[in-house]
Amino acid sequence: QVQLVESGGGLVQPGGSLRLSCAASGFTFSMFDMNWYRQRLGKARELVTTVTKAGQGINYADSVKGRFTISRDNAKNAVDLQMNSLKPEDTAVYYCNRRWGSQNNWGQGTQVTVSS
């Protein structure tokens, strides 16, 4: 079965950096675009960015452009999200996602808190 396991969240001060990782299994990872979403308290889940099968980062949310970078390693079945210059408004639960037609697979999420 499809499994997505996120890691790397935590507490960081404004201006700091974090790197999130998602370990994928149960499907042919290299054949799928992969997504990072986030859900802030009281808000709807939103797309942060997508990495294509070929490794190109696309669909960056305006709020994270120039600060976040998505990447993937098809040999390790992993997708990462490098987050720099973090702001308090980046505080959220971050989710790894695979979409296949109408099917959505989600990880359990990892909490990122940006606070002084």
Protein backbone atom coordinates (compact mmCIF):
# COMPACT_ATOMS: atom_id res chain seq x y z
CA GLN A 1 0.00 0.00 0.00
CA VAL A 2 1.05 3.59 -0.54
CA GLN A 3 2.91 5.12 2.40
CA LEU A 4 4.19 8.64 2.77
CA VAL A 5 6.17 9.50 5.89
CA GLU A 6 7.20 13.08 6.58
CA SER A 7 10.00 14.16 8.89
CA GLY A 8 12.08 17.20 9.72
CA GLY A 9 9.55 19.54 11.27
CA GLY A 10 10.14 21.46 14.47
CA LEU A 11 10.45 24.84 16.13
CA VAL A 12 12.57 27.47 14.42
CA GLN A 13 13.07 31.19 14.89
CA PRO A 14 11.98 33.67 12.23
CA GLY A 15 14.60 33.88 9.52
CA GLY A 16 15.74 30.33 10.14
CA SER A 17 15.70 27.25 7.93
CA LEU A 18 14.29 23.75 8.02
CA ARG A 19 14.44 20.85 5.62
CA LEU A 20 11.47 18.52 5.43
CA SER A 21 11.70 15.04 3.98
CA CYS A 22 9.09 12.61 2.72
CA ALA A 23 9.86 8.91 2.35
CA ALA A 24 7.57 7.20 -0.15
CA SER A 25 6.82 3.53 -0.65
CA GLY A 26 4.23 1.24 -2.18
CA PHE A 27 4.28 2.70 -5.68
CA THR A 28 6.69 3.46 -8.52
CA PHE A 29 7.90 6.76 -7.17
CA SER A 30 9.71 7.95 -10.30
CA MET A 31 6.49 7.88 -12.32
CA PHE A 32 4.64 10.50 -10.28
CA ASP A 33 4.75 14.19 -9.63
CA MET A 34 4.87 14.80 -5.88
CA ASN A 35 3.43 17.65 -3.84
CA TRP A 36 3.93 19.42 -0.56
CA TYR A 37 0.85 20.94 1.05
CA ARG A 38 0.40 22.78 4.31
CA GLN A 39 -2.48 23.52 6.61
CA ARG A 40 -2.36 26.50 8.91
CA LEU A 41 -4.56 26.60 11.99
CA GLY A 42 -8.14 27.35 10.98
CA LYS A 43 -7.29 27.44 7.28
CA ALA A 44 -7.84 25.11 4.36
CA ARG A 45 -5.02 22.88 3.21
CA GLU A 46 -3.05 24.64 0.48
CA LEU A 47 -0.56 23.56 -2.15
CA VAL A 48 2.97 24.75 -1.38
CA THR A 49 4.76 23.32 -4.41
CA THR A 50 5.06 20.39 -6.81
CA VAL A 51 8.06 18.51 -8.17
CA THR A 52 7.64 16.87 -11.56
CA LYS A 53 8.78 13.34 -12.41
CA ALA A 54 11.83 14.93 -14.02
CA GLY A 55 12.68 16.87 -10.86
CA GLN A 56 11.47 20.34 -11.79
CA GLY A 57 9.92 22.41 -9.04
CA ILE A 58 6.71 24.05 -10.16
CA ASN A 59 3.51 25.59 -8.79
CA TYR A 60 5.21 27.42 -5.95
CA ALA A 61 2.70 29.33 -3.84
CA ASP A 62 3.32 33.07 -4.12
CA SER A 63 3.94 33.24 -0.39
CA VAL A 64 6.93 30.87 -0.58
CA LYS A 65 8.53 31.78 -3.93
CA GLY A 66 12.22 32.51 -3.56
CA ARG A 67 12.34 30.97 -0.07
CA PHE A 68 11.32 27.33 -0.50
CA THR A 69 12.82 24.74 -2.84
CA ILE A 70 11.45 21.30 -3.59
CA SER A 71 13.64 18.44 -4.77
CA ARG A 72 13.47 14.70 -5.21
CA ASP A 73 15.75 11.71 -5.21
CA ASN A 74 14.23 8.91 -7.27
CA ALA A 75 16.91 6.46 -6.13
CA LYS A 76 15.83 6.98 -2.51
CA ASN A 77 12.10 7.45 -3.17
CA ALA A 78 12.26 10.74 -1.34
CA VAL A 79 11.05 14.29 -1.83
CA ASP A 80 12.42 17.17 0.21
CA LEU A 81 11.34 20.70 0.93
CA GLN A 82 14.08 23.17 1.83
CA MET A 83 12.56 26.13 3.65
CA ASN A 84 14.65 29.27 4.16
CA SER A 85 13.91 32.69 5.58
CA LEU A 86 11.01 31.24 7.52
CA LYS A 87 8.26 33.54 8.75
CA PRO A 88 5.70 33.09 11.53
CA GLU A 89 3.02 32.74 8.86
CA ASP A 90 4.76 29.60 7.61
CA THR A 91 3.66 27.89 10.82
CA ALA A 92 1.57 24.91 9.73
CA VAL A 93 1.37 21.16 9.44
CA TYR A 94 3.17 20.18 6.23
CA TYR A 95 1.98 17.17 4.24
CA CYS A 96 3.50 15.11 1.47
CA ASN A 97 1.03 14.16 -1.26
CA ARG A 98 0.73 11.95 -4.29
CA ARG A 99 -2.19 12.34 -6.62
CA TRP A 100 -3.27 9.71 -9.11
CA GLY A 101 -6.45 10.61 -10.92
CA SER A 102 -9.05 11.13 -8.22
CA GLN A 103 -6.96 9.31 -5.61
CA ASN A 104 -5.02 11.35 -3.09
CA ASN A 105 -2.45 9.83 -0.77
CA TRP A 106 -1.28 11.77 2.27
CA GLY A 107 1.32 11.39 4.93
CA GLN A 108 0.61 12.01 8.61
CA GLY A 109 2.09 15.49 8.42
CA THR A 110 4.92 17.22 10.24
CA GLN A 111 4.48 20.33 12.36
CA VAL A 112 6.54 23.41 11.56
CA THR A 113 6.41 26.24 14.08
CA VAL A 114 8.14 29.53 13.39
CA SER A 115 8.34 31.61 16.54
CA SER A 116 10.78 33.58 18.62
